[in-house]
């Protein structure tokens, strides 16, 4: 979270799964999601 270490692909996959997140959006999303997106993701999680 602090950007202090790289991670193995398997660690990244586990984190994405634990967060209920799409790996592509974790890697590529530059803009901040709007509040609606955050609320939906939070509810789904």
ModelCIF file with pLDDT and N, C-alpha, C, O atoms, coordinates in Angstrom:
data_MODEL
#
_entry.id   MODEL 
#
_entity.id                         1 
_entity.type                       polymer 
_entity.pdbx_number_of_molecules   1 
#
_entity_poly.entity_id                      1 
_entity_poly.type                           'polypeptide(L)' 
_entity_poly.nstd_linkage                   no 
_entity_poly.nstd_monomer                   no 
_entity_poly.pdbx_seq_one_letter_code       
;(UNK)(UNK)(UNK)(UNK)(UNK)(UNK)(UNK)(UNK)(UNK)(UNK)(UNK)(UNK)(UNK)(UNK)(UNK)(UNK)
(UNK)(UNK)(UNK)(UNK)(UNK)(UNK)(UNK)(UNK)(UNK)(UNK)(UNK)(UNK)(UNK)(UNK)(UNK)(UNK)
(UNK)(UNK)(UNK)(UNK)(UNK)(UNK)(UNK)(UNK)(UNK)(UNK)(UNK)(UNK)(UNK)
;
_entity_poly.pdbx_seq_one_letter_code_can   XXXXXXXXXXXXXXXXXXXXXXXXXXXXXXXXXXXXXXXXXXXXX 
_entity_poly.pdbx_strand_id                 A 
#
loop_
_entity_poly_seq.entity_id 
_entity_poly_seq.num 
_entity_poly_seq.mon_id 
_entity_poly_seq.hetero 
1 1  UNK n 
1 2  UNK n 
1 3  UNK n 
1 4  UNK n 
1 5  UNK n 
1 6  UNK n 
1 7  UNK n 
1 8  UNK n 
1 9  UNK n 
1 10 UNK n 
1 11 UNK n 
1 12 UNK n 
1 13 UNK n 
1 14 UNK n 
1 15 UNK n 
1 16 UNK n 
1 17 UNK n 
1 18 UNK n 
1 19 UNK n 
1 20 UNK n 
1 21 UNK n 
1 22 UNK n 
1 23 UNK n 
1 24 UNK n 
1 25 UNK n 
1 26 UNK n 
1 27 UNK n 
1 28 UNK n 
1 29 UNK n 
1 30 UNK n 
1 31 UNK n 
1 32 UNK n 
1 33 UNK n 
1 34 UNK n 
1 35 UNK n 
1 36 UNK n 
1 37 UNK n 
1 38 UNK n 
1 39 UNK n 
1 40 UNK n 
1 41 UNK n 
1 42 UNK n 
1 43 UNK n 
1 44 UNK n 
1 45 UNK n 
#
_struct_asym.id          A 
_struct_asym.entity_id   1 
#
loop_
_ma_qa_metric.id 
_ma_qa_metric.mode 
_ma_qa_metric.name 
_ma_qa_metric.software_group_id 
_ma_qa_metric.type 
1 global pLDDT . pLDDT 
2 local  pLDDT . pLDDT 
#
_ma_qa_metric_global.metric_id      1 
_ma_qa_metric_global.metric_value   81.04 
_ma_qa_metric_global.model_id       1 
_ma_qa_metric_global.ordinal_id     1 
#
loop_
_ma_qa_metric_local.label_asym_id 
_ma_qa_metric_local.label_comp_id 
_ma_qa_metric_local.label_seq_id 
_ma_qa_metric_local.metric_id 
_ma_qa_metric_local.metric_value 
_ma_qa_metric_local.model_id 
_ma_qa_metric_local.ordinal_id 
A UNK 1  2 95.00 1 1  
A UNK 2  2 94.00 1 2  
A UNK 3  2 92.00 1 3  
A UNK 4  2 92.00 1 4  
A UNK 5  2 91.00 1 5  
A UNK 6  2 91.00 1 6  
A UNK 7  2 92.00 1 7  
A UNK 8  2 93.00 1 8  
A UNK 9  2 93.00 1 9  
A UNK 10 2 94.00 1 10 
A UNK 11 2 95.00 1 11 
A UNK 12 2 94.00 1 12 
A UNK 13 2 92.00 1 13 
A UNK 14 2 94.00 1 14 
A UNK 15 2 95.00 1 15 
A UNK 16 2 93.00 1 16 
A UNK 17 2 92.00 1 17 
A UNK 18 2 93.00 1 18 
A UNK 19 2 92.00 1 19 
A UNK 20 2 88.00 1 20 
A UNK 21 2 87.00 1 21 
A UNK 22 2 82.00 1 22 
A UNK 23 2 82.00 1 23 
A UNK 24 2 82.00 1 24 
A UNK 25 2 77.00 1 25 
A UNK 26 2 83.00 1 26 
A UNK 27 2 84.00 1 27 
A UNK 28 2 74.00 1 28 
A UNK 29 2 54.00 1 29 
A UNK 30 2 49.00 1 30 
A UNK 31 2 50.00 1 31 
A UNK 32 2 54.00 1 32 
A UNK 33 2 51.00 1 33 
A UNK 34 2 57.00 1 34 
A UNK 35 2 57.00 1 35 
A UNK 36 2 63.00 1 36 
A UNK 37 2 72.00 1 37 
A UNK 38 2 74.00 1 38 
A UNK 39 2 78.00 1 39 
A UNK 40 2 81.00 1 40 
A UNK 41 2 78.00 1 41 
A UNK 42 2 79.00 1 42 
A UNK 43 2 82.00 1 43 
A UNK 44 2 82.00 1 44 
A UNK 45 2 80.00 1 45 
#
loop_
_atom_site.group_PDB 
_atom_site.id 
_atom_site.type_symbol 
_atom_site.label_atom_id 
_atom_site.label_alt_id 
_atom_site.label_comp_id 
_atom_site.label_asym_id 
_atom_site.label_entity_id 
_atom_site.label_seq_id 
_atom_site.pdbx_PDB_ins_code 
_atom_site.Cartn_x 
_atom_site.Cartn_y 
_atom_site.Cartn_z 
_atom_site.occupancy 
_atom_site.B_iso_or_equiv 
_atom_site.pdbx_formal_charge 
_atom_site.auth_seq_id 
_atom_site.auth_comp_id 
_atom_site.auth_asym_id 
_atom_site.auth_atom_id 
_atom_site.pdbx_PDB_model_num 
ATOM 1   N N  . UNK A 1 1  ? 0.821   -1.213  0.000   1.00 95.00 ? 1  UNK A N  1 
ATOM 2   C CA . UNK A 1 1  ? 0.000   0.000   0.000   1.00 95.00 ? 1  UNK A CA 1 
ATOM 3   C C  . UNK A 1 1  ? 0.853   1.260   0.000   1.00 95.00 ? 1  UNK A C  1 
ATOM 4   O O  . UNK A 1 1  ? 0.451   2.284   -0.552  1.00 95.00 ? 1  UNK A O  1 
ATOM 5   N N  . UNK A 1 2  ? 2.009   1.190   0.607   1.00 94.00 ? 2  UNK A N  1 
ATOM 6   C CA . UNK A 1 2  ? 2.907   2.341   0.647   1.00 94.00 ? 2  UNK A CA 1 
ATOM 7   C C  . UNK A 1 2  ? 3.769   2.474   -0.602  1.00 94.00 ? 2  UNK A C  1 
ATOM 8   O O  . UNK A 1 2  ? 4.540   3.425   -0.730  1.00 94.00 ? 2  UNK A O  1 
ATOM 9   N N  . UNK A 1 3  ? 3.639   1.519   -1.528  1.00 92.00 ? 3  UNK A N  1 
ATOM 10  C CA . UNK A 1 3  ? 4.435   1.552   -2.747  1.00 92.00 ? 3  UNK A CA 1 
ATOM 11  C C  . UNK A 1 3  ? 5.892   1.256   -2.496  1.00 92.00 ? 3  UNK A C  1 
ATOM 12  O O  . UNK A 1 3  ? 6.757   1.663   -3.271  1.00 92.00 ? 3  UNK A O  1 
ATOM 13  N N  . UNK A 1 4  ? 6.173   0.546   -1.412  1.00 92.00 ? 4  UNK A N  1 
ATOM 14  C CA . UNK A 1 4  ? 7.557   0.285   -1.007  1.00 92.00 ? 4  UNK A CA 1 
ATOM 15  C C  . UNK A 1 4  ? 8.105   -1.033  -1.521  1.00 92.00 ? 4  UNK A C  1 
ATOM 16  O O  . UNK A 1 4  ? 9.304   -1.290  -1.413  1.00 92.00 ? 4  UNK A O  1 
ATOM 17  N N  . UNK A 1 5  ? 7.243   -1.870  -2.077  1.00 91.00 ? 5  UNK A N  1 
ATOM 18  C CA . UNK A 1 5  ? 7.710   -3.173  -2.528  1.00 91.00 ? 5  UNK A CA 1 
ATOM 19  C C  . UNK A 1 5  ? 6.931   -3.637  -3.751  1.00 91.00 ? 5  UNK A C  1 
ATOM 20  O O  . UNK A 1 5  ? 5.752   -3.326  -3.919  1.00 91.00 ? 5  UNK A O  1 
ATOM 21  N N  . UNK A 1 6  ? 7.616   -4.381  -4.588  1.00 91.00 ? 6  UNK A N  1 
ATOM 22  C CA . UNK A 1 6  ? 6.944   -5.037  -5.708  1.00 91.00 ? 6  UNK A CA 1 
ATOM 23  C C  . UNK A 1 6  ? 6.324   -6.313  -5.170  1.00 91.00 ? 6  UNK A C  1 
ATOM 24  O O  . UNK A 1 6  ? 6.622   -6.737  -4.053  1.00 91.00 ? 6  UNK A O  1 
ATOM 25  N N  . UNK A 1 7  ? 5.466   -6.919  -5.965  1.00 92.00 ? 7  UNK A N  1 
ATOM 26  C CA . UNK A 1 7  ? 4.849   -8.163  -5.512  1.00 92.00 ? 7  UNK A CA 1 
ATOM 27  C C  . UNK A 1 7  ? 4.814   -9.173  -6.642  1.00 92.00 ? 7  UNK A C  1 
ATOM 28  O O  . UNK A 1 7  ? 4.836   -8.812  -7.819  1.00 92.00 ? 7  UNK A O  1 
ATOM 29  N N  . UNK A 1 8  ? 4.762   -10.429 -6.274  1.00 93.00 ? 8  UNK A N  1 
ATOM 30  C CA . UNK A 1 8  ? 4.597   -11.493 -7.245  1.00 93.00 ? 8  UNK A CA 1 
ATOM 31  C C  . UNK A 1 8  ? 3.186   -11.435 -7.821  1.00 93.00 ? 8  UNK A C  1 
ATOM 32  O O  . UNK A 1 8  ? 2.265   -10.918 -7.189  1.00 93.00 ? 8  UNK A O  1 
ATOM 33  N N  . UNK A 1 9  ? 3.036   -11.964 -9.008  1.00 93.00 ? 9  UNK A N  1 
ATOM 34  C CA . UNK A 1 9  ? 1.723   -11.997 -9.655  1.00 93.00 ? 9  UNK A CA 1 
ATOM 35  C C  . UNK A 1 9  ? 0.720   -12.730 -8.772  1.00 93.00 ? 9  UNK A C  1 
ATOM 36  O O  . UNK A 1 9  ? -0.432  -12.311 -8.666  1.00 93.00 ? 9  UNK A O  1 
ATOM 37  N N  . UNK A 1 10 ? 1.140   -13.804 -8.148  1.00 94.00 ? 10 UNK A N  1 
ATOM 38  C CA . UNK A 1 10 ? 0.236   -14.576 -7.290  1.00 94.00 ? 10 UNK A CA 1 
ATOM 39  C C  . UNK A 1 10 ? -0.238  -13.738 -6.097  1.00 94.00 ? 10 UNK A C  1 
ATOM 40  O O  . UNK A 1 10 ? -1.403  -13.826 -5.709  1.00 94.00 ? 10 UNK A O  1 
ATOM 41  N N  . UNK A 1 11 ? 0.639   -12.940 -5.522  1.00 95.00 ? 11 UNK A N  1 
ATOM 42  C CA . UNK A 1 11 ? 0.245   -12.054 -4.418  1.00 95.00 ? 11 UNK A CA 1 
ATOM 43  C C  . UNK A 1 11 ? -0.761  -11.030 -4.908  1.00 95.00 ? 11 UNK A C  1 
ATOM 44  O O  . UNK A 1 11 ? -1.757  -10.761 -4.236  1.00 95.00 ? 11 UNK A O  1 
ATOM 45  N N  . UNK A 1 12 ? -0.502  -10.455 -6.086  1.00 94.00 ? 12 UNK A N  1 
ATOM 46  C CA . UNK A 1 12 ? -1.432  -9.487  -6.677  1.00 94.00 ? 12 UNK A CA 1 
ATOM 47  C C  . UNK A 1 12 ? -2.792  -10.123 -6.904  1.00 94.00 ? 12 UNK A C  1 
ATOM 48  O O  . UNK A 1 12 ? -3.820  -9.517  -6.601  1.00 94.00 ? 12 UNK A O  1 
ATOM 49  N N  . UNK A 1 13 ? -2.806  -11.344 -7.438  1.00 92.00 ? 13 UNK A N  1 
ATOM 50  C CA . UNK A 1 13 ? -4.066  -12.053 -7.691  1.00 92.00 ? 13 UNK A CA 1 
ATOM 51  C C  . UNK A 1 13 ? -4.831  -12.279 -6.394  1.00 92.00 ? 13 UNK A C  1 
ATOM 52  O O  . UNK A 1 13 ? -6.045  -12.083 -6.342  1.00 92.00 ? 13 UNK A O  1 
ATOM 53  N N  . UNK A 1 14 ? -4.123  -12.688 -5.352  1.00 94.00 ? 14 UNK A N  1 
ATOM 54  C CA . UNK A 1 14 ? -4.769  -12.919 -4.058  1.00 94.00 ? 14 UNK A CA 1 
ATOM 55  C C  . UNK A 1 14 ? -5.354  -11.632 -3.487  1.00 94.00 ? 14 UNK A C  1 
ATOM 56  O O  . UNK A 1 14 ? -6.460  -11.637 -2.946  1.00 94.00 ? 14 UNK A O  1 
ATOM 57  N N  . UNK A 1 15 ? -4.615  -10.531 -3.605  1.00 95.00 ? 15 UNK A N  1 
ATOM 58  C CA . UNK A 1 15 ? -5.123  -9.247  -3.107  1.00 95.00 ? 15 UNK A CA 1 
ATOM 59  C C  . UNK A 1 15 ? -6.364  -8.811  -3.878  1.00 95.00 ? 15 UNK A C  1 
ATOM 60  O O  . UNK A 1 15 ? -7.358  -8.389  -3.286  1.00 95.00 ? 15 UNK A O  1 
ATOM 61  N N  . UNK A 1 16 ? -6.299  -8.918  -5.208  1.00 93.00 ? 16 UNK A N  1 
ATOM 62  C CA . UNK A 1 16 ? -7.457  -8.531  -6.026  1.00 93.00 ? 16 UNK A CA 1 
ATOM 63  C C  . UNK A 1 16 ? -8.671  -9.362  -5.650  1.00 93.00 ? 16 UNK A C  1 
ATOM 64  O O  . UNK A 1 16 ? -9.771  -8.828  -5.516  1.00 93.00 ? 16 UNK A O  1 
ATOM 65  N N  . UNK A 1 17 ? -8.480  -10.666 -5.478  1.00 92.00 ? 17 UNK A N  1 
ATOM 66  C CA . UNK A 1 17 ? -9.594  -11.545 -5.113  1.00 92.00 ? 17 UNK A CA 1 
ATOM 67  C C  . UNK A 1 17 ? -10.128 -11.194 -3.726  1.00 92.00 ? 17 UNK A C  1 
ATOM 68  O O  . UNK A 1 17 ? -11.342 -11.138 -3.530  1.00 92.00 ? 17 UNK A O  1 
ATOM 69  N N  . UNK A 1 18 ? -9.249  -10.961 -2.776  1.00 93.00 ? 18 UNK A N  1 
ATOM 70  C CA . UNK A 1 18 ? -9.679  -10.628 -1.413  1.00 93.00 ? 18 UNK A CA 1 
ATOM 71  C C  . UNK A 1 18 ? -10.450 -9.309  -1.382  1.00 93.00 ? 18 UNK A C  1 
ATOM 72  O O  . UNK A 1 18 ? -11.339 -9.121  -0.551  1.00 93.00 ? 18 UNK A O  1 
ATOM 73  N N  . UNK A 1 19 ? -10.102 -8.403  -2.290  1.00 92.00 ? 19 UNK A N  1 
ATOM 74  C CA . UNK A 1 19 ? -10.782 -7.106  -2.358  1.00 92.00 ? 19 UNK A CA 1 
ATOM 75  C C  . UNK A 1 19 ? -12.026 -7.148  -3.237  1.00 92.00 ? 19 UNK A C  1 
ATOM 76  O O  . UNK A 1 19 ? -12.784 -6.180  -3.279  1.00 92.00 ? 19 UNK A O  1 
ATOM 77  N N  . UNK A 1 20 ? -12.244 -8.258  -3.939  1.00 88.00 ? 20 UNK A N  1 
ATOM 78  C CA . UNK A 1 20 ? -13.356 -8.339  -4.878  1.00 88.00 ? 20 UNK A CA 1 
ATOM 79  C C  . UNK A 1 20 ? -13.161 -7.375  -6.032  1.00 88.00 ? 20 UNK A C  1 
ATOM 80  O O  . UNK A 1 20 ? -14.126 -6.816  -6.553  1.00 88.00 ? 20 UNK A O  1 
ATOM 81  N N  . UNK A 1 21 ? -11.899 -7.177  -6.436  1.00 87.00 ? 21 UNK A N  1 
ATOM 82  C CA . UNK A 1 21 ? -11.557 -6.180  -7.444  1.00 87.00 ? 21 UNK A CA 1 
ATOM 83  C C  . UNK A 1 21 ? -11.166 -6.833  -8.757  1.00 87.00 ? 21 UNK A C  1 
ATOM 84  O O  . UNK A 1 21 ? -10.725 -7.982  -8.797  1.00 87.00 ? 21 UNK A O  1 
ATOM 85  N N  . UNK A 1 22 ? -11.336 -6.082  -9.817  1.00 82.00 ? 22 UNK A N  1 
ATOM 86  C CA . UNK A 1 22 ? -10.880 -6.485  -11.138 1.00 82.00 ? 22 UNK A CA 1 
ATOM 87  C C  . UNK A 1 22 ? -9.397  -6.146  -11.248 1.00 82.00 ? 22 UNK A C  1 
ATOM 88  O O  . UNK A 1 22 ? -9.004  -5.000  -11.030 1.00 82.00 ? 22 UNK A O  1 
ATOM 89  N N  . UNK A 1 23 ? -8.579  -7.129  -11.583 1.00 82.00 ? 23 UNK A N  1 
ATOM 90  C CA . UNK A 1 23 ? -7.143  -6.910  -11.657 1.00 82.00 ? 23 UNK A CA 1 
ATOM 91  C C  . UNK A 1 23 ? -6.795  -5.828  -12.673 1.00 82.00 ? 23 UNK A C  1 
ATOM 92  O O  . UNK A 1 23 ? -5.885  -5.032  -12.442 1.00 82.00 ? 23 UNK A O  1 
ATOM 93  N N  . UNK A 1 24 ? -7.501  -5.791  -13.781 1.00 82.00 ? 24 UNK A N  1 
ATOM 94  C CA . UNK A 1 24 ? -7.230  -4.782  -14.805 1.00 82.00 ? 24 UNK A CA 1 
ATOM 95  C C  . UNK A 1 24 ? -7.446  -3.378  -14.296 1.00 82.00 ? 24 UNK A C  1 
ATOM 96  O O  . UNK A 1 24 ? -6.651  -2.484  -14.587 1.00 82.00 ? 24 UNK A O  1 
ATOM 97  N N  . UNK A 1 25 ? -8.499  -3.170  -13.547 1.00 77.00 ? 25 UNK A N  1 
ATOM 98  C CA . UNK A 1 25 ? -8.754  -1.821  -13.031 1.00 77.00 ? 25 UNK A CA 1 
ATOM 99  C C  . UNK A 1 25 ? -7.724  -1.435  -11.979 1.00 77.00 ? 25 UNK A C  1 
ATOM 100 O O  . UNK A 1 25 ? -7.377  -0.260  -11.860 1.00 77.00 ? 25 UNK A O  1 
ATOM 101 N N  . UNK A 1 26 ? -7.227  -2.406  -11.213 1.00 83.00 ? 26 UNK A N  1 
ATOM 102 C CA . UNK A 1 26 ? -6.171  -2.101  -10.245 1.00 83.00 ? 26 UNK A CA 1 
ATOM 103 C C  . UNK A 1 26 ? -4.891  -1.677  -10.952 1.00 83.00 ? 26 UNK A C  1 
ATOM 104 O O  . UNK A 1 26 ? -4.178  -0.794  -10.475 1.00 83.00 ? 26 UNK A O  1 
ATOM 105 N N  . UNK A 1 27 ? -4.600  -2.302  -12.084 1.00 84.00 ? 27 UNK A N  1 
ATOM 106 C CA . UNK A 1 27 ? -3.361  -1.992  -12.795 1.00 84.00 ? 27 UNK A CA 1 
ATOM 107 C C  . UNK A 1 27 ? -3.444  -0.737  -13.647 1.00 84.00 ? 27 UNK A C  1 
ATOM 108 O O  . UNK A 1 27 ? -2.467  0.003   -13.756 1.00 84.00 ? 27 UNK A O  1 
ATOM 109 N N  . UNK A 1 28 ? -4.593  -0.492  -14.250 1.00 74.00 ? 28 UNK A N  1 
ATOM 110 C CA . UNK A 1 28 ? -4.677  0.530   -15.290 1.00 74.00 ? 28 UNK A CA 1 
ATOM 111 C C  . UNK A 1 28 ? -5.385  1.802   -14.898 1.00 74.00 ? 28 UNK A C  1 
ATOM 112 O O  . UNK A 1 28 ? -5.156  2.830   -15.535 1.00 74.00 ? 28 UNK A O  1 
ATOM 113 N N  . UNK A 1 29 ? -6.193  1.796   -13.934 1.00 54.00 ? 29 UNK A N  1 
ATOM 114 C CA . UNK A 1 29 ? -7.048  2.945   -13.653 1.00 54.00 ? 29 UNK A CA 1 
ATOM 115 C C  . UNK A 1 29 ? -6.236  4.103   -13.105 1.00 54.00 ? 29 UNK A C  1 
ATOM 116 O O  . UNK A 1 29 ? -5.699  4.026   -12.000 1.00 54.00 ? 29 UNK A O  1 
ATOM 117 N N  . UNK A 1 30 ? -6.148  5.168   -13.874 1.00 49.00 ? 30 UNK A N  1 
ATOM 118 C CA . UNK A 1 30 ? -5.414  6.350   -13.452 1.00 49.00 ? 30 UNK A CA 1 
ATOM 119 C C  . UNK A 1 30 ? -6.322  7.338   -12.736 1.00 49.00 ? 30 UNK A C  1 
ATOM 120 O O  . UNK A 1 30 ? -5.932  7.942   -11.737 1.00 49.00 ? 30 UNK A O  1 
ATOM 121 N N  . UNK A 1 31 ? -7.548  7.500   -13.258 1.00 50.00 ? 31 UNK A N  1 
ATOM 122 C CA . UNK A 1 31 ? -8.461  8.462   -12.653 1.00 50.00 ? 31 UNK A CA 1 
ATOM 123 C C  . UNK A 1 31 ? -9.122  7.851   -11.427 1.00 50.00 ? 31 UNK A C  1 
ATOM 124 O O  . UNK A 1 31 ? -9.239  6.632   -11.303 1.00 50.00 ? 31 UNK A O  1 
ATOM 125 N N  . UNK A 1 32 ? -9.541  8.707   -10.545 1.00 54.00 ? 32 UNK A N  1 
ATOM 126 C CA . UNK A 1 32 ? -10.246 8.233   -9.358  1.00 54.00 ? 32 UNK A CA 1 
ATOM 127 C C  . UNK A 1 32 ? -11.667 7.876   -9.747  1.00 54.00 ? 32 UNK A C  1 
ATOM 128 O O  . UNK A 1 32 ? -12.301 8.594   -10.521 1.00 54.00 ? 32 UNK A O  1 
ATOM 129 N N  . UNK A 1 33 ? -12.177 6.760   -9.209  1.00 51.00 ? 33 UNK A N  1 
ATOM 130 C CA . UNK A 1 33 ? -13.562 6.426   -9.520  1.00 51.00 ? 33 UNK A CA 1 
ATOM 131 C C  . UNK A 1 33 ? -14.486 7.470   -8.915  1.00 51.00 ? 33 UNK A C  1 
ATOM 132 O O  . UNK A 1 33 ? -14.199 8.043   -7.863  1.00 51.00 ? 33 UNK A O  1 
ATOM 133 N N  . UNK A 1 34 ? -15.605 7.708   -9.600  1.00 57.00 ? 34 UNK A N  1 
ATOM 134 C CA . UNK A 1 34 ? -16.540 8.659   -9.009  1.00 57.00 ? 34 UNK A CA 1 
ATOM 135 C C  . UNK A 1 34 ? -17.175 8.035   -7.782  1.00 57.00 ? 34 UNK A C  1 
ATOM 136 O O  . UNK A 1 34 ? -17.039 6.835   -7.545  1.00 57.00 ? 34 UNK A O  1 
ATOM 137 N N  . UNK A 1 35 ? -17.863 8.846   -7.010  1.00 57.00 ? 35 UNK A N  1 
ATOM 138 C CA . UNK A 1 35 ? -18.395 8.349   -5.745  1.00 57.00 ? 35 UNK A CA 1 
ATOM 139 C C  . UNK A 1 35 ? -19.374 7.207   -5.950  1.00 57.00 ? 35 UNK A C  1 
ATOM 140 O O  . UNK A 1 35 ? -19.474 6.319   -5.104  1.00 57.00 ? 35 UNK A O  1 
ATOM 141 N N  . UNK A 1 36 ? -20.100 7.217   -7.066  1.00 63.00 ? 36 UNK A N  1 
ATOM 142 C CA . UNK A 1 36 ? -21.019 6.117   -7.350  1.00 63.00 ? 36 UNK A CA 1 
ATOM 143 C C  . UNK A 1 36 ? -20.284 4.803   -7.501  1.00 63.00 ? 36 UNK A C  1 
ATOM 144 O O  . UNK A 1 36 ? -20.719 3.779   -6.974  1.00 63.00 ? 36 UNK A O  1 
ATOM 145 N N  . UNK A 1 37 ? -19.161 4.825   -8.227  1.00 72.00 ? 37 UNK A N  1 
ATOM 146 C CA . UNK A 1 37 ? -18.355 3.614   -8.391  1.00 72.00 ? 37 UNK A CA 1 
ATOM 147 C C  . UNK A 1 37 ? -17.862 3.107   -7.039  1.00 72.00 ? 37 UNK A C  1 
ATOM 148 O O  . UNK A 1 37 ? -17.917 1.909   -6.762  1.00 72.00 ? 37 UNK A O  1 
ATOM 149 N N  . UNK A 1 38 ? -17.383 4.017   -6.204  1.00 74.00 ? 38 UNK A N  1 
ATOM 150 C CA . UNK A 1 38 ? -16.872 3.607   -4.892  1.00 74.00 ? 38 UNK A CA 1 
ATOM 151 C C  . UNK A 1 38 ? -17.972 2.984   -4.051  1.00 74.00 ? 38 UNK A C  1 
ATOM 152 O O  . UNK A 1 38 ? -17.741 1.987   -3.366  1.00 74.00 ? 38 UNK A O  1 
ATOM 153 N N  . UNK A 1 39 ? -19.180 3.567   -4.096  1.00 78.00 ? 39 UNK A N  1 
ATOM 154 C CA . UNK A 1 39 ? -20.284 3.025   -3.307  1.00 78.00 ? 39 UNK A CA 1 
ATOM 155 C C  . UNK A 1 39 ? -20.673 1.638   -3.805  1.00 78.00 ? 39 UNK A C  1 
ATOM 156 O O  . UNK A 1 39 ? -20.907 0.729   -3.010  1.00 78.00 ? 39 UNK A O  1 
ATOM 157 N N  . UNK A 1 40 ? -20.740 1.484   -5.104  1.00 81.00 ? 40 UNK A N  1 
ATOM 158 C CA . UNK A 1 40 ? -21.111 0.180   -5.671  1.00 81.00 ? 40 UNK A CA 1 
ATOM 159 C C  . UNK A 1 40 ? -20.072 -0.864  -5.310  1.00 81.00 ? 40 UNK A C  1 
ATOM 160 O O  . UNK A 1 40 ? -20.425 -1.966  -4.891  1.00 81.00 ? 40 UNK A O  1 
ATOM 161 N N  . UNK A 1 41 ? -18.788 -0.533  -5.467  1.00 78.00 ? 41 UNK A N  1 
ATOM 162 C CA . UNK A 1 41 ? -17.728 -1.488  -5.137  1.00 78.00 ? 41 UNK A CA 1 
ATOM 163 C C  . UNK A 1 41 ? -17.752 -1.840  -3.655  1.00 78.00 ? 41 UNK A C  1 
ATOM 164 O O  . UNK A 1 41 ? -17.537 -2.992  -3.277  1.00 78.00 ? 41 UNK A O  1 
ATOM 165 N N  . UNK A 1 42 ? -18.013 -0.850  -2.828  1.00 79.00 ? 42 UNK A N  1 
ATOM 166 C CA . UNK A 1 42 ? -18.066 -1.101  -1.396  1.00 79.00 ? 42 UNK A CA 1 
ATOM 167 C C  . UNK A 1 42 ? -19.217 -2.046  -1.046  1.00 79.00 ? 42 UNK A C  1 
ATOM 168 O O  . UNK A 1 42 ? -19.050 -2.973  -0.253  1.00 79.00 ? 42 UNK A O  1 
ATOM 169 N N  . UNK A 1 43 ? -20.379 -1.804  -1.639  1.00 82.00 ? 43 UNK A N  1 
ATOM 170 C CA . UNK A 1 43 ? -21.539 -2.662  -1.381  1.00 82.00 ? 43 UNK A CA 1 
ATOM 171 C C  . UNK A 1 43 ? -21.271 -4.078  -1.875  1.00 82.00 ? 43 UNK A C  1 
ATOM 172 O O  . UNK A 1 43 ? -21.557 -5.046  -1.171  1.00 82.00 ? 43 UNK A O  1 
ATOM 173 N N  . UNK A 1 44 ? -20.720 -4.207  -3.088  1.00 82.00 ? 44 UNK A N  1 
ATOM 174 C CA . UNK A 1 44 ? -20.427 -5.529  -3.629  1.00 82.00 ? 44 UNK A CA 1 
ATOM 175 C C  . UNK A 1 44 ? -19.399 -6.261  -2.776  1.00 82.00 ? 44 UNK A C  1 
ATOM 176 O O  . UNK A 1 44 ? -19.504 -7.470  -2.564  1.00 82.00 ? 44 UNK A O  1 
ATOM 177 N N  . UNK A 1 45 ? -18.418 -5.534  -2.294  1.00 80.00 ? 45 UNK A N  1 
ATOM 178 C CA . UNK A 1 45 ? -17.413 -6.155  -1.434  1.00 80.00 ? 45 UNK A CA 1 
ATOM 179 C C  . UNK A 1 45 ? -18.046 -6.661  -0.144  1.00 80.00 ? 45 UNK A C  1 
ATOM 180 O O  . UNK A 1 45 ? -17.352 -7.216  0.707   1.00 80.00 ? 45 UNK A O  1 
#
